[in-house]
Amino acid sequence: MREELVKEIRILLSSRKITQAKVSELCGMSRISLNRFLNGRTDLRLDHFFKLCSTLGIKITVPEVKCSRDERGRIPEKTV
């Protein structure tokens, strides 16, 4: 999944003729961090990842997660 996302981001940057420097500036991250992410050498901080997607118009959806809850609606602590 990561590879597909990076590929799409590279296509968007190329088709819109946007430089890594410009995108990183808009996202509030260093160009080096963006470059390392695009080259598979590191991951982005979550806030930078969401800002990058937002800046490029990439919609991210997160599936709903259901948690077990007790009678009071609290998520019980996991017992070991």
Protein backbone atom coordinates (compact mmCIF):
# COMPACT_ATOMS: atom_id res chain seq x y z
CA MET A 1 0.00 0.00 0.00
CA ARG A 2 2.82 2.41 0.85
CA GLU A 3 4.42 1.91 -2.55
CA GLU A 4 1.15 2.63 -4.35
CA LEU A 5 0.63 5.81 -2.34
CA VAL A 6 4.17 7.03 -3.01
CA LYS A 7 3.70 6.28 -6.71
CA GLU A 8 0.48 8.33 -6.77
CA ILE A 9 2.13 11.21 -4.93
CA ARG A 10 5.01 11.22 -7.43
CA ILE A 11 2.51 11.21 -10.34
CA LEU A 12 0.61 14.13 -8.79
CA LEU A 13 3.78 16.14 -8.24
CA SER A 14 4.91 15.51 -11.79
CA SER A 15 1.56 16.19 -13.46
CA ARG A 16 1.06 19.41 -11.50
CA LYS A 17 4.68 20.44 -11.96
CA ILE A 18 5.11 20.95 -8.22
CA THR A 19 8.56 20.59 -6.72
CA GLN A 20 9.31 18.65 -3.56
CA ALA A 21 10.61 21.90 -2.10
CA LYS A 22 7.27 23.66 -2.68
CA VAL A 23 5.17 20.80 -1.32
CA SER A 24 7.36 20.38 1.74
CA GLU A 25 7.09 24.12 2.40
CA LEU A 26 3.28 23.99 2.14
CA CYS A 27 3.22 21.00 4.49
CA GLY A 28 5.60 22.46 7.06
CA MET A 29 8.23 19.75 6.72
CA SER A 30 11.73 19.67 5.39
CA ARG A 31 12.38 18.82 1.75
CA ILE A 32 14.81 16.17 2.94
CA SER A 33 12.08 14.43 4.98
CA LEU A 34 9.74 14.44 1.99
CA ASN A 35 12.49 13.15 -0.30
CA ARG A 36 13.37 10.35 2.11
CA PHE A 37 9.70 9.36 2.31
CA LEU A 38 9.32 9.36 -1.47
CA ASN A 39 12.44 7.23 -1.80
CA GLY A 40 11.31 4.70 0.81
CA ARG A 41 14.03 5.49 3.32
CA THR A 42 11.77 6.73 6.11
CA ASP A 43 8.16 7.25 7.13
CA LEU A 44 6.52 10.60 7.73
CA ARG A 45 5.15 11.81 11.01
CA LEU A 46 1.40 11.30 10.98
CA ASP A 47 0.64 15.02 10.98
CA HIS A 48 2.96 15.55 8.01
CA PHE A 49 1.42 12.60 6.18
CA PHE A 50 -2.12 13.98 6.58
CA LYS A 51 -0.99 17.49 5.65
CA LEU A 52 0.73 16.13 2.52
CA CYS A 53 -2.41 14.25 1.49
CA SER A 54 -4.58 17.28 2.17
CA THR A 55 -2.26 19.59 0.22
CA LEU A 56 -2.34 17.26 -2.80
CA GLY A 57 -6.08 16.59 -2.55
CA ILE A 58 -5.68 12.93 -1.61
CA LYS A 59 -8.65 11.70 0.41
CA ILE A 60 -7.74 9.29 3.19
CA THR A 61 -10.48 7.20 4.76
CA VAL A 62 -10.06 5.19 7.90
CA PRO A 63 -12.32 2.18 8.41
CA GLU A 64 -14.52 2.22 11.48
CA VAL A 65 -13.08 0.23 14.35
CA LYS A 66 -15.42 -1.43 16.79
CA CYS A 67 -14.19 -1.91 20.35
CA SER A 68 -15.70 -4.09 23.03
CA ARG A 69 -17.24 -2.00 25.74
CA ASP A 70 -18.42 -2.78 29.23
CA GLU A 71 -21.92 -2.04 30.56
CA ARG A 72 -20.91 1.59 31.19
CA GLY A 73 -19.66 2.08 27.64
CA ARG A 74 -15.99 2.05 28.64
CA ILE A 75 -13.34 0.12 26.77
CA PRO A 76 -12.03 -2.43 29.25
CA GLU A 77 -8.33 -2.62 29.98
CA LYS A 78 -6.65 -5.60 28.40
CA THR A 79 -5.71 -8.19 30.97
CA VAL A 80 -2.49 -10.10 30.51
